[in-house]
C-alpha atoms as a PDB file:
ATOM      1  CA  MET A   1      64.229 -16.586  76.384  1.00  0.00           C
ATOM      2  CA  GLY A   2      63.161 -20.118  77.311  1.00  0.00           C
ATOM      3  CA  HIS A   3      59.463 -19.512  76.741  1.00  0.00           C
ATOM      4  CA  TYR A   4      60.150 -18.471  73.136  1.00  0.00           C
ATOM      5  CA  SER A   5      61.862 -21.784  72.399  1.00  0.00           C
ATOM      6  CA  ILE A   6      58.911 -23.655  73.933  1.00  0.00           C
ATOM      7  CA  TRP A   7      56.525 -21.618  71.798  1.00  0.00           C
ATOM      8  CA  LEU A   8      58.542 -22.313  68.637  1.00  0.00           C
ATOM      9  CA  LYS A   9      58.694 -26.042  69.371  1.00  0.00           C
ATOM     10  CA  HIS A  10      54.936 -26.286  69.824  1.00  0.00           C
ATOM     11  CA  TYR A  11      54.322 -24.103  66.788  1.00  0.00           C
ATOM     12  CA  ASN A  12      56.313 -26.481  64.607  1.00  0.00           C
ATOM     13  CA  ASN A  13      54.438 -29.454  66.054  1.00  0.00           C
ATOM     14  CA  CYS A  14      50.992 -27.892  65.692  1.00  0.00           C
ATOM     15  CA  ARG A  15      51.180 -26.263  62.276  1.00  0.00           C
ATOM     16  CA  ASP A  16      51.160 -29.585  60.406  1.00  0.00           C
ATOM     17  CA  ARG A  17      48.170 -30.745  62.435  1.00  0.00           C
ATOM     18  CA  ILE A  18      46.342 -27.528  61.593  1.00  0.00           C
ATOM     19  CA  LEU A  19      47.199 -27.996  57.916  1.00  0.00           C
ATOM     20  CA  ASP A  20      45.794 -31.534  57.992  1.00  0.00           C
ATOM     21  CA  GLU A  21      42.583 -30.222  59.569  1.00  0.00           C
ATOM     22  CA  LEU A  22      42.240 -27.601  56.846  1.00  0.00           C
ATOM     23  CA  LYS A  23      42.752 -30.252  54.161  1.00  0.00           C
ATOM     24  CA  SER A  24      39.935 -32.319  55.643  1.00  0.00           C
ATOM     25  CA  TYR A  25      37.752 -29.197  55.658  1.00  0.00           C
ATOM     26  CA  SER A  26      38.601 -28.662  51.992  1.00  0.00           C
ATOM     27  CA  ARG A  27      37.446 -32.170  51.132  1.00  0.00           C
ATOM     28  CA  GLU A  28      34.172 -31.536  52.961  1.00  0.00           C
ATOM     29  CA  VAL A  29      33.698 -28.301  51.003  1.00  0.00           C
ATOM     30  CA  ASP A  30      34.301 -30.019  47.666  1.00  0.00           C
ATOM     31  CA  ALA A  31      31.754 -32.676  48.618  1.00  0.00           C
ATOM     32  CA  VAL A  32      28.914 -30.155  49.027  1.00  0.00           C
ATOM     33  CA  LYS A  33      29.931 -27.497  46.500  1.00  0.00           C
ATOM     34  CA  GLU A  34      28.437 -29.140  43.420  1.00  0.00           C
ATOM     35  CA  SER A  35      25.252 -30.208  45.177  1.00  0.00           C
ATOM     36  CA  ILE A  36      24.602 -26.594  46.224  1.00  0.00           C
ATOM     37  CA  LYS A  37      25.388 -25.215  42.757  1.00  0.00           C
ATOM     38  CA  GLU A  38      22.819 -27.547  41.215  1.00  0.00           C
ATOM     39  CA  LYS A  39      20.051 -25.768  43.112  1.00  0.00           C
ATOM     40  CA  ASN A  40      20.615 -22.443  41.250  1.00  0.00           C
ATOM     41  CA  LEU A  41      20.358 -20.462  44.457  1.00  0.00           C
ATOM     42  CA  ILE A  42      22.757 -17.718  43.299  1.00  0.00           C
ATOM     43  CA  ILE A  43      21.649 -15.228  40.640  1.00  0.00           C
ATOM     44  CA  GLU A  44      23.224 -12.194  38.999  1.00  0.00           C
ATOM     45  CA  VAL A  45      22.733  -8.763  40.487  1.00  0.00           C
ATOM     46  CA  ASP A  46      20.096  -6.843  38.573  1.00  0.00           C
ATOM     47  CA  ASP A  47      21.228  -3.227  38.089  1.00  0.00           C
ATOM     48  CA  SER A  48      18.207  -2.323  35.994  1.00  0.00           C
ATOM     49  CA  GLY A  49      15.783  -1.981  38.880  1.00  0.00           C
ATOM     50  CA  ARG A  50      13.516   1.050  39.095  1.00  0.00           C
ATOM     51  CA  GLU A  51      14.857   3.930  41.169  1.00  0.00           C
ATOM     52  CA  THR A  52      13.085   4.275  44.508  1.00  0.00           C
ATOM     53  CA  ASP A  53      12.813   7.746  45.999  1.00  0.00           C
ATOM     54  CA  GLY A  54      11.324   8.897  49.268  1.00  0.00           C
ATOM     55  CA  LEU A  55      11.987   9.912  52.847  1.00  0.00           C
ATOM     56  CA  MET A  56      14.151   7.242  54.443  1.00  0.00           C
ATOM     57  CA  CYS A  57      15.261   6.508  57.991  1.00  0.00           C
ATOM     58  CA  PHE A  58      18.330   4.552  59.129  1.00  0.00           C
ATOM     59  CA  VAL A  59      18.720   3.427  62.753  1.00  0.00           C
ATOM     60  CA  ASP A  60      21.686   2.116  64.738  1.00  0.00           C
ATOM     61  CA  GLY A  61      22.964   2.119  68.307  1.00  0.00           C
ATOM     62  CA  GLY A  62      26.179   1.901  70.274  1.00  0.00           C
ATOM     63  CA  GLU A  63      27.188   0.951  73.781  1.00  0.00           C
ATOM     64  CA  GLY A  64      30.067   1.364  76.194  1.00  0.00           C
ATOM     65  CA  LEU A  65      30.726  -0.623  79.363  1.00  0.00           C
ATOM     66  CA  GLN A  66      32.900   0.010  82.389  1.00  0.00           C
ATOM     67  CA  GLU A  67      33.158  -2.572  85.153  1.00  0.00           C
ATOM     68  CA  VAL A  68      33.397  -1.523  88.781  1.00  0.00           C
ATOM     69  CA  LEU A  69      33.672  -3.737  91.841  1.00  0.00           C
ATOM     70  CA  GLY A  70      29.995  -4.554  92.351  1.00  0.00           C
ATOM     71  CA  ALA A  71      28.305  -3.627  89.091  1.00  0.00           C
ATOM     72  CA  THR A  72      28.693  -2.491  85.498  1.00  0.00           C
ATOM     73  CA  LEU A  73      28.223   1.058  84.272  1.00  0.00           C
ATOM     74  CA  TYR A  74      26.691   1.241  80.802  1.00  0.00           C
ATOM     75  CA  PHE A  75      26.482   4.086  78.306  1.00  0.00           C
ATOM     76  CA  LEU A  76      24.056   3.860  75.385  1.00  0.00           C
ATOM     77  CA  LYS A  77      23.599   5.996  72.280  1.00  0.00           C
ATOM     78  CA  THR A  78      21.044   5.482  69.533  1.00  0.00           C
ATOM     79  CA  SER A  79      20.634   7.489  66.378  1.00  0.00           C
ATOM     80  CA  ALA A  80      18.135   7.688  63.524  1.00  0.00           C
ATOM     81  CA  LEU A  81      19.294   9.428  60.347  1.00  0.00           C
ATOM     82  CA  VAL A  82      16.382  10.719  58.271  1.00  0.00           C
ATOM     83  CA  LEU A  83      17.095  11.931  54.748  1.00  0.00           C
ATOM     84  CA  GLU A  84      15.428  12.407  51.391  1.00  0.00           C
ATOM     85  CA  LYS A  85      16.405  10.341  48.360  1.00  0.00           C
ATOM     86  CA  THR A  86      15.609  11.895  44.987  1.00  0.00           C
ATOM     87  CA  ASP A  87      17.145  10.985  41.620  1.00  0.00           C
ATOM     88  CA  GLU A  88      20.076   9.077  43.160  1.00  0.00           C
ATOM     89  CA  LYS A  89      20.829  12.014  45.479  1.00  0.00           C
ATOM     90  CA  LEU A  90      20.623  12.030  49.273  1.00  0.00           C
ATOM     91  CA  GLY A  91      19.989  15.243  51.169  1.00  0.00           C
ATOM     92  CA  ASN A  92      18.097  17.237  53.789  1.00  0.00           C
ATOM     93  CA  GLU A  93      19.458  15.004  56.524  1.00  0.00           C
ATOM     94  CA  ARG A  94      18.148  15.170  60.111  1.00  0.00           C
ATOM     95  CA  PHE A  95      19.050  13.164  63.204  1.00  0.00           C
ATOM     96  CA  VAL A  96      16.895  11.816  66.000  1.00  0.00           C
ATOM     97  CA  ARG A  97      19.117  10.893  68.950  1.00  0.00           C
ATOM     98  CA  GLU A  98      18.790   9.284  72.369  1.00  0.00           C
ATOM     99  CA  VAL A  99      21.380   8.820  75.137  1.00  0.00           C
ATOM    100  CA  ASP A 100      21.166   6.782  78.332  1.00  0.00           C
ATOM    101  CA  MET A 101      23.483   5.613  81.086  1.00  0.00           C
ATOM    102  CA  GLY A 102      22.977   3.537  84.171  1.00  0.00           C
ATOM    103  CA  LEU A 103      24.184   0.909  86.609  1.00  0.00           C
ATOM    104  CA  ILE A 104      23.405  -2.785  86.255  1.00  0.00           C
ATOM    105  CA  ASP A 105      24.150  -5.610  88.668  1.00  0.00           C
ATOM    106  CA  TYR A 106      26.353  -8.577  87.853  1.00  0.00           C
ATOM    107  CA  ASP A 107      24.807 -11.867  86.808  1.00  0.00           C
ATOM    108  CA  GLU A 108      25.408 -14.442  84.089  1.00  0.00           C
ATOM    109  CA  HIS A 109      23.406 -12.347  81.600  1.00  0.00           C
ATOM    110  CA  THR A 110      24.803  -8.874  82.320  1.00  0.00           C
ATOM    111  CA  LYS A 111      26.146  -8.234  78.808  1.00  0.00           C
ATOM    112  CA  GLU A 112      22.990  -9.636  77.180  1.00  0.00           C
ATOM    113  CA  ARG A 113      20.820  -7.402  79.355  1.00  0.00           C
ATOM    114  CA  ILE A 114      22.759  -4.322  78.265  1.00  0.00           C
ATOM    115  CA  GLU A 115      22.406  -5.396  74.622  1.00  0.00           C
ATOM    116  CA  LEU A 116      18.662  -5.739  75.182  1.00  0.00           C
ATOM    117  CA  LEU A 117      18.530  -2.226  76.647  1.00  0.00           C
ATOM    118  CA  ARG A 118      20.377  -0.847  73.634  1.00  0.00           C
ATOM    119  CA  ALA A 119      18.158  -2.689  71.139  1.00  0.00           C
ATOM    120  CA  ALA A 120      14.990  -1.528  72.907  1.00  0.00           C
ATOM    121  CA  MET A 121      16.305   2.032  72.777  1.00  0.00           C
ATOM    122  CA  GLU A 122      16.976   1.644  69.033  1.00  0.00           C
ATOM    123  CA  PHE A 123      13.366   0.554  68.496  1.00  0.00           C
ATOM    124  CA  GLU A 124      12.115   3.487  70.575  1.00  0.00           C
ATOM    125  CA  THR A 125      14.277   5.907  68.556  1.00  0.00           C
ATOM    126  CA  ALA A 126      12.869   4.423  65.343  1.00  0.00           C
ATOM    127  CA  LEU A 127       9.325   4.934  66.653  1.00  0.00           C
ATOM    128  CA  ARG A 128      10.130   8.531  67.537  1.00  0.00           C
ATOM    129  CA  ALA A 129      11.554   9.118  64.046  1.00  0.00           C
ATOM    130  CA  ILE A 130       8.370   7.689  62.525  1.00  0.00           C
ATOM    131  CA  GLU A 131       6.214   9.996  64.655  1.00  0.00           C
ATOM    132  CA  GLU A 132       8.278  13.079  63.829  1.00  0.00           C
ATOM    133  CA  HIS A 133       9.121  12.503  60.145  1.00  0.00           C
ATOM    134  CA  SER A 134       6.852   9.751  58.671  1.00  0.00           C
ATOM    135  CA  PRO A 135       9.492   8.040  56.479  1.00  0.00           C
ATOM    136  CA  SER A 136       8.502   5.679  53.676  1.00  0.00           C
ATOM    137  CA  HIS A 137      11.364   3.264  54.464  1.00  0.00           C
ATOM    138  CA  LEU A 138      12.950   2.286  57.780  1.00  0.00           C
ATOM    139  CA  PHE A 139      16.307   0.484  57.798  1.00  0.00           C
ATOM    140  CA  ILE A 140      17.412  -1.264  60.983  1.00  0.00           C
ATOM    141  CA  ASP A 141      21.017  -2.339  61.530  1.00  0.00           C
ATOM    142  CA  GLY A 142      20.717  -6.086  62.080  1.00  0.00           C
ATOM    143  CA  SER A 143      18.395  -8.917  61.150  1.00  0.00           C
ATOM    144  CA  LEU A 144      14.676  -8.599  61.881  1.00  0.00           C
ATOM    145  CA  TYR A 145      14.461 -12.376  61.997  1.00  0.00           C
ATOM    146  CA  VAL A 146      17.187 -12.616  64.632  1.00  0.00           C
ATOM    147  CA  CYS A 147      15.507  -9.828  66.616  1.00  0.00           C
ATOM    148  CA  SER A 148      12.235 -11.755  66.666  1.00  0.00           C
ATOM    149  CA  ARG A 149      13.924 -15.044  67.590  1.00  0.00           C
ATOM    150  CA  ARG A 150      16.246 -13.683  70.243  1.00  0.00           C
ATOM    151  CA  ARG A 151      16.738 -16.190  73.039  1.00  0.00           C
ATOM    152  CA  PRO A 152      14.523 -15.209  75.977  1.00  0.00           C
ATOM    153  CA  ILE A 153      16.122 -14.700  79.375  1.00  0.00           C
ATOM    154  CA  GLU A 154      14.426 -14.121  82.711  1.00  0.00           C
ATOM    155  CA  CYS A 155      14.828 -10.379  83.181  1.00  0.00           C
ATOM    156  CA  SER A 156      12.770  -7.220  82.876  1.00  0.00           C
ATOM    157  CA  GLU A 157      15.010  -5.953  80.061  1.00  0.00           C
ATOM    158  CA  TYR A 158      13.874  -8.789  77.793  1.00  0.00           C
ATOM    159  CA  GLN A 159      10.196  -7.986  78.312  1.00  0.00           C
ATOM    160  CA  VAL A 160      10.794  -4.317  77.464  1.00  0.00           C
ATOM    161  CA  TYR A 161      12.799  -5.308  74.380  1.00  0.00           C
ATOM    162  CA  ARG A 162      10.034  -7.630  73.206  1.00  0.00           C
ATOM    163  CA  LYS A 163       7.295  -5.044  73.641  1.00  0.00           C
ATOM    164  CA  LYS A 164       9.262  -2.326  71.811  1.00  0.00           C
ATOM    165  CA  PHE A 165      10.038  -4.624  68.876  1.00  0.00           C
ATOM    166  CA  THR A 166       6.422  -5.752  68.563  1.00  0.00           C
ATOM    167  CA  ARG A 167       5.223  -2.151  68.762  1.00  0.00           C
ATOM    168  CA  LEU A 168       7.656  -1.099  66.011  1.00  0.00           C
ATOM    169  CA  LEU A 169       6.547  -3.893  63.675  1.00  0.00           C
ATOM    170  CA  LYS A 170       2.880  -3.100  64.227  1.00  0.00           C
ATOM    171  CA  LYS A 171       3.483   0.618  63.695  1.00  0.00           C
ATOM    172  CA  CYS A 172       5.257   0.003  60.389  1.00  0.00           C
ATOM    173  CA  ARG A 173       2.475  -2.278  59.213  1.00  0.00           C
ATOM    174  CA  GLN A 174      -0.244   0.201  60.166  1.00  0.00           C
ATOM    175  CA  GLU A 175       1.582   3.136  58.544  1.00  0.00           C
ATOM    176  CA  ASN A 176       2.600   1.154  55.401  1.00  0.00           C
ATOM    177  CA  ILE A 177       6.276   1.779  56.147  1.00  0.00           C
ATOM    178  CA  HIS A 178       8.775  -0.580  54.539  1.00  0.00           C
ATOM    179  CA  ILE A 179      10.856  -1.890  57.455  1.00  0.00           C
ATOM    180  CA  VAL A 180      14.101  -3.592  56.418  1.00  0.00           C
ATOM    181  CA  GLY A 181      16.859  -5.332  58.349  1.00  0.00           C
ATOM    182  CA  VAL A 182      20.364  -4.990  56.877  1.00  0.00           C
ATOM    183  CA  SER A 183      23.444  -6.586  58.387  1.00  0.00           C
ATOM    184  CA  GLU A 184      26.943  -7.738  57.515  1.00  0.00           C
ATOM    185  CA  ASP A 185      27.122 -10.779  59.782  1.00  0.00           C
ATOM    186  CA  SER A 186      30.072 -13.072  59.067  1.00  0.00           C
ATOM    187  CA  LYS A 187      28.963 -15.564  61.749  1.00  0.00           C
ATOM    188  CA  SER A 188      25.384 -16.132  60.621  1.00  0.00           C
ATOM    189  CA  ARG A 189      24.256 -19.630  59.639  1.00  0.00           C
ATOM    190  CA  LEU A 190      20.695 -18.849  58.496  1.00  0.00           C
ATOM    191  CA  PHE A 191      21.401 -19.788  54.873  1.00  0.00           C
ATOM    192  CA  ALA A 192      23.346 -22.877  55.958  1.00  0.00           C
ATOM    193  CA  ASN A 193      20.413 -24.028  58.099  1.00  0.00           C
ATOM    194  CA  TYR A 194      18.044 -23.374  55.196  1.00  0.00           C
ATOM    195  CA  LEU A 195      20.142 -25.567  52.887  1.00  0.00           C
ATOM    196  CA  SER A 196      20.345 -28.306  55.489  1.00  0.00           C
ATOM    197  CA  MET A 197      16.630 -28.382  56.232  1.00  0.00           C
ATOM    198  CA  LYS A 198      15.164 -27.811  52.756  1.00  0.00           C
ATOM    199  CA  TYR A 199      17.620 -29.772  50.606  1.00  0.00           C
ATOM    200  CA  GLU A 200      19.133 -32.118  53.219  1.00  0.00           C
ATOM    201  CA  ILE A 201      22.628 -30.915  52.331  1.00  0.00           C
ATOM    202  CA  LYS A 202      25.120 -31.636  55.073  1.00  0.00           C
ATOM    203  CA  ILE A 203      27.014 -28.388  55.567  1.00  0.00           C
ATOM    204  CA  PRO A 204      30.450 -28.645  57.246  1.00  0.00           C
ATOM    205  CA  ARG A 205      30.126 -27.359  60.802  1.00  0.00           C
ATOM    206  CA  PHE A 206      32.744 -24.634  60.371  1.00  0.00           C
ATOM    207  CA  MET A 207      31.033 -22.998  57.369  1.00  0.00           C
ATOM    208  CA  THR A 208      29.014 -19.837  57.896  1.00  0.00           C
ATOM    209  CA  ASP A 209      26.758 -18.181  55.334  1.00  0.00           C
ATOM    210  CA  SER A 210      29.565 -15.856  54.227  1.00  0.00           C
ATOM    211  CA  SER A 211      31.997 -18.713  53.647  1.00  0.00           C
ATOM    212  CA  ILE A 212      29.397 -20.742  51.711  1.00  0.00           C
ATOM    213  CA  LEU A 213      28.574 -17.803  49.448  1.00  0.00           C
ATOM    214  CA  ARG A 214      32.236 -16.965  48.892  1.00  0.00           C
ATOM    215  CA  MET A 215      32.868 -20.612  47.998  1.00  0.00           C
ATOM    216  CA  LEU A 216      30.086 -20.497  45.397  1.00  0.00           C
ATOM    217  CA  SER A 217      30.655 -17.049  43.899  1.00  0.00           C
ATOM    218  CA  GLY A 218      34.124 -15.861  44.853  1.00  0.00           C
ATOM    219  CA  ASN A 219      34.365 -12.074  44.618  1.00  0.00           C
ATOM    220  CA  ASN A 220      31.653 -11.712  41.982  1.00  0.00           C
ATOM    221  CA  ARG A 221      28.595  -9.553  42.559  1.00  0.00           C
ATOM    222  CA  TYR A 222      25.529 -11.671  43.210  1.00  0.00           C
ATOM    223  CA  GLN A 223      22.376 -12.127  45.191  1.00  0.00           C
ATOM    224  CA  THR A 224      20.685 -15.254  46.468  1.00  0.00           C
ATOM    225  CA  ILE A 225      17.148 -16.263  45.747  1.00  0.00           C
ATOM    226  CA  GLU A 226      14.608 -15.213  48.344  1.00  0.00           C
ATOM    227  CA  PHE A 227      14.387 -17.760  51.141  1.00  0.00           C
ATOM    228  CA  THR A 228      12.670 -18.038  54.480  1.00  0.00           C
ATOM    229  CA  SER A 229      15.101 -18.362  57.356  1.00  0.00           C
ATOM    230  CA  CYS A 230      15.218 -21.593  59.298  1.00  0.00           C
ATOM    231  CA  SER A 231      16.993 -21.215  62.612  1.00  0.00           C
ATOM    232  CA  ARG A 232      17.794 -23.461  65.510  1.00  0.00           C
ATOM    233  CA  PHE A 233      17.732 -20.573  67.971  1.00  0.00           C
ATOM    234  CA  GLU A 234      15.377 -20.994  70.906  1.00  0.00           C
ATOM    235  CA  ALA A 235      12.258 -19.139  69.796  1.00  0.00           C
ATOM    236  CA  ASP A 236       9.598 -17.240  71.659  1.00  0.00           C
ATOM    237  CA  SER A 237       6.611 -17.602  69.318  1.00  0.00           C
ATOM    238  CA  ARG A 238       4.445 -14.800  70.680  1.00  0.00           C
ATOM    239  CA  ILE A 239       5.283 -12.405  67.872  1.00  0.00           C
ATOM    240  CA  ASN A 240       4.783 -15.069  65.220  1.00  0.00           C
ATOM    241  CA  SER A 241       1.407 -16.194  66.513  1.00  0.00           C
ATOM    242  CA  SER A 242      -0.004 -12.701  66.848  1.00  0.00           C
ATOM    243  CA  LEU A 243       1.597 -10.749  64.021  1.00  0.00           C
ATOM    244  CA  ILE A 244       3.626 -12.441  61.276  1.00  0.00           C
ATOM    245  CA  ALA A 245       4.798 -15.888  60.271  1.00  0.00           C
ATOM    246  CA  SER A 246       8.092 -15.372  58.485  1.00  0.00           C
ATOM    247  CA  PHE A 247      10.909 -13.038  57.473  1.00  0.00           C
ATOM    248  CA  PRO A 248      11.905 -13.494  53.809  1.00  0.00           C
ATOM    249  CA  THR A 249      15.666 -13.079  53.404  1.00  0.00           C
ATOM    250  CA  VAL A 250      18.123 -12.354  50.592  1.00  0.00           C
ATOM    251  CA  TYR A 251      21.914 -12.181  50.621  1.00  0.00           C
ATOM    252  CA  LEU A 252      23.438  -9.505  48.393  1.00  0.00           C
ATOM    253  CA  GLN A 253      27.066  -8.827  47.494  1.00  0.00           C
ATOM    254  CA  PRO A 254      26.874  -5.299  46.064  1.00  0.00           C
ATOM    255  CA  THR A 255      30.552  -4.921  45.071  1.00  0.00           C
ATOM    256  CA  THR A 256      33.351  -7.302  44.133  1.00  0.00           C
ATOM    257  CA  LEU A 257      35.366  -6.533  47.275  1.00  0.00           C
ATOM    258  CA  SER A 258      32.578  -6.451  49.845  1.00  0.00           C
ATOM    259  CA  ASN A 259      31.159  -9.054  52.182  1.00  0.00           C
ATOM    260  CA  PRO A 260      27.595 -10.252  51.567  1.00  0.00           C
ATOM    261  CA  LEU A 261      24.785  -8.261  53.154  1.00  0.00           C
ATOM    262  CA  ARG A 262      21.856 -10.058  54.715  1.00  0.00           C
ATOM    263  CA  ILE A 263      18.586  -8.268  53.941  1.00  0.00           C
ATOM    264  CA  ASP A 264      15.295  -9.348  55.483  1.00  0.00           C
ATOM    265  CA  VAL A 265      11.772  -7.968  55.607  1.00  0.00           C
ATOM    266  CA  PRO A 266       8.531  -8.943  57.358  1.00  0.00           C
ATOM    267  CA  GLY A 267       6.200 -11.405  55.691  1.00  0.00           C
ATOM    268  CA  TRP A 268       3.745  -8.702  54.651  1.00  0.00           C
ATOM    269  CA  GLU A 269       6.282  -6.923  52.391  1.00  0.00           C
ATOM    270  CA  ASN A 270       4.983  -7.341  48.824  1.00  0.00           C
ATOM    271  CA  ASN A 271       7.867  -5.833  46.861  1.00  0.00           C
ATOM    272  CA  PHE A 272      11.041  -7.401  48.154  1.00  0.00           C
ATOM    273  CA  PRO A 273      12.922  -7.150  44.797  1.00  0.00           C
ATOM    274  CA  GLU A 274      12.470  -3.372  44.869  1.00  0.00           C
ATOM    275  CA  ILE A 275      13.869  -3.285  48.425  1.00  0.00           C
ATOM    276  CA  VAL A 276      16.941  -5.252  47.306  1.00  0.00           C
ATOM    277  CA  SER A 277      17.457  -2.844  44.393  1.00  0.00           C
ATOM    278  CA  LEU A 278      17.181   0.089  46.791  1.00  0.00           C
ATOM    279  CA  VAL A 279      19.836  -1.371  49.116  1.00  0.00           C
ATOM    280  CA  LEU A 280      22.082  -1.939  46.088  1.00  0.00           C
ATOM    281  CA  ASP A 281      21.577   1.679  45.048  1.00  0.00           C
ATOM    282  CA  LEU A 282      22.430   2.941  48.544  1.00  0.00           C
ATOM    283  CA  CYS A 283      25.707   0.980  48.423  1.00  0.00           C
ATOM    284  CA  LYS A 284      27.015   2.941  45.434  1.00  0.00           C
ATOM    285  CA  GLY A 285      28.798   5.432  47.669  1.00  0.00           C
ATOM    286  CA  SER A 286      31.831   3.130  47.790  1.00  0.00           C
ATOM    287  CA  ARG A 287      33.129   0.678  45.192  1.00  0.00           C
ATOM    288  CA  SER A 288      34.924  -1.436  47.777  1.00  0.00           C
ATOM    289  CA  TYR A 289      33.060  -1.070  51.071  1.00  0.00           C
ATOM    290  CA  GLY A 290      29.717  -2.323  49.787  1.00  0.00           C
ATOM    291  CA  TYR A 291      27.496  -1.074  52.607  1.00  0.00           C
ATOM    292  CA  PRO A 292      24.644   1.466  52.480  1.00  0.00           C
ATOM    293  CA  LEU A 293      26.312   4.824  53.023  1.00  0.00           C
ATOM    294  CA  PRO A 294      23.564   6.250  55.297  1.00  0.00           C
ATOM    295  CA  MET A 295      23.837   3.196  57.552  1.00  0.00           C
ATOM    296  CA  TYR A 296      27.568   3.726  57.858  1.00  0.00           C
ATOM    297  CA  LEU A 297      27.007   7.383  58.763  1.00  0.00           C
ATOM    298  CA  VAL A 298      24.410   6.567  61.424  1.00  0.00           C
ATOM    299  CA  HIS A 299      26.733   3.880  62.814  1.00  0.00           C
ATOM    300  CA  LEU A 300      29.457   6.496  63.293  1.00  0.00           C
ATOM    301  CA  ASP A 301      26.983   8.880  64.909  1.00  0.00           C
ATOM    302  CA  ALA A 302      25.794   6.271  67.431  1.00  0.00           C
ATOM    303  CA  LYS A 303      29.190   4.808  68.294  1.00  0.00           C
ATOM    304  CA  VAL A 304      30.293   5.128  71.925  1.00  0.00           C
ATOM    305  CA  GLU A 305      34.044   5.640  71.936  1.00  0.00           C
ATOM    306  CA  GLN A 306      36.045   3.959  74.689  1.00  0.00           C
ATOM    307  CA  LYS A 307      37.506   7.294  75.787  1.00  0.00           C
ATOM    308  CA  GLN A 308      33.989   8.697  76.056  1.00  0.00           C
ATOM    309  CA  ALA A 309      32.907   5.822  78.299  1.00  0.00           C
ATOM    310  CA  GLN A 310      36.066   6.140  80.411  1.00  0.00           C
ATOM    311  CA  TRP A 311      35.641   9.902  80.824  1.00  0.00           C
ATOM    312  CA  SER A 312      31.964   9.501  81.766  1.00  0.00           C
ATOM    313  CA  THR A 313      32.852   6.796  84.281  1.00  0.00           C
ATOM    314  CA  LYS A 314      35.556   8.941  85.840  1.00  0.00           C
ATOM    315  CA  GLN A 315      33.243  11.932  86.184  1.00  0.00           C
ATOM    316  CA  LEU A 316      30.391   9.839  87.559  1.00  0.00           C
ATOM    317  CA  LEU A 317      32.568   8.082  90.137  1.00  0.00           C
ATOM    318  CA  HIS A 318      34.067  11.396  91.208  1.00  0.00           C
ATOM    319  CA  HIS A 319      30.567  12.787  91.775  1.00  0.00           C
ATOM    320  CA  LEU A 320      29.445   9.692  93.693  1.00  0.00           C
ATOM    321  CA  SER A 321      32.578   9.668  95.851  1.00  0.00           C
ATOM    322  CA  ARG A 322      31.681  13.151  97.071  1.00  0.00           C
ATOM    323  CA  LYS A 323      28.003  12.389  97.659  1.00  0.00           C
ATOM    324  CA  GLU A 324      28.201   8.798  98.967  1.00  0.00           C
ATOM    325  CA  PRO A 325      31.801   7.892  99.920  1.00  0.00           C
ATOM    326  CA  ALA A 326      30.811   4.681 101.746  1.00  0.00           C
ATOM    327  CA  LEU A 327      28.860   3.417  98.752  1.00  0.00           C
ATOM    328  CA  MET A 328      31.723   4.361  96.495  1.00  0.00           C
ATOM    329  CA  ASP A 329      34.253   2.345  98.506  1.00  0.00           C
ATOM    330  CA  SER A 330      32.078  -0.759  98.818  1.00  0.00           C
ATOM    331  CA  ILE A 331      30.496  -1.080  95.374  1.00  0.00           C
ATOM    332  CA  LEU A 332      31.858   1.399  92.862  1.00  0.00           C
ATOM    333  CA  CYS A 333      35.616   1.278  93.375  1.00  0.00           C
ATOM    334  CA  ARG A 334      37.921   0.122  90.599  1.00  0.00           C
ATOM    335  CA  THR A 335      38.367  -3.580  89.921  1.00  0.00           C
ATOM    336  CA  ARG A 336      41.608  -5.406  90.653  1.00  0.00           C
ATOM    337  CA  ARG A 337      42.348  -5.663  86.945  1.00  0.00           C
ATOM    338  CA  GLU A 338      42.286  -1.887  86.553  1.00  0.00           C
ATOM    339  CA  SER A 339      44.481  -1.461  89.633  1.00  0.00           C
ATOM    340  CA  ARG A 340      47.283  -3.703  88.381  1.00  0.00           C
ATOM    341  CA  PRO A 341      50.634  -2.100  87.550  1.00  0.00           C
ATOM    342  CA  MET A 342      51.073  -1.628  83.815  1.00  0.00           C
ATOM    343  CA  HIS A 343      54.607  -3.097  83.687  1.00  0.00           C
END
């Protein structure tokens, strides 16, 4: 029981220090709260917007990973839910789905490379849905701005990702499709960076966009003014120089119990307020969740369950052990972590 007494002793010593740190954070928050409020950046949610009907598409993806001795097995699923919205009703739903699996070598960017593969597959699924169904609106899970500013890494997966994203943006512009990024990102600092750069407000380092907005508005329903994201991410400017210059952004809290949604569109979108009203309308499926219901459904459809990844890995390794036993023993055997006794 000795380790419990050590833990308790250090807990008692550390909790007061943590409390003091939080008090200093609180003082920093109070110092910037009034200066932000003076800018009138938060406005009331407008429920009187015109209803938008049409054929709409919602895209998301999921991934599963299983490590083996010399590589990582990945399993990817992407899904596009296409449905018709008429008079506040959603119906005639159809799915466009893609599945992929493969083996990727270990390096310092292995997880990022798999994320790039998944994102590229999402863009390809969106393009396929456009070709097959011609929706008027396309909703992507995530921020378009973050997609365009994703930190480049030296790998073939990044080049494929970049080309697919550029192709999707160009396709939407040519076909007059409203492409929208929607995300619930509690770690984002896009709004914080905007405040710092435009108004020279020193934001405490621990505050994310969600915490700033909660500080200003509590649990009330609100939306921010439209702003253009300013990010310190390393940027590859090829998309900007050849296609668009900015991604206007709005934060929206659709219900009193939800987290704020970040909504962004390309610079050519000429009716952003109508897009925000549409997202608000799509969130009416739940009073507490506050997320567009079709996006939640497509998220569930694209999710790769851990058991699914484990079963697929087991079946694949069994097949490979029969076909190439030497390769199986040298590269694809289980890792030491998976071989440890459970107790």
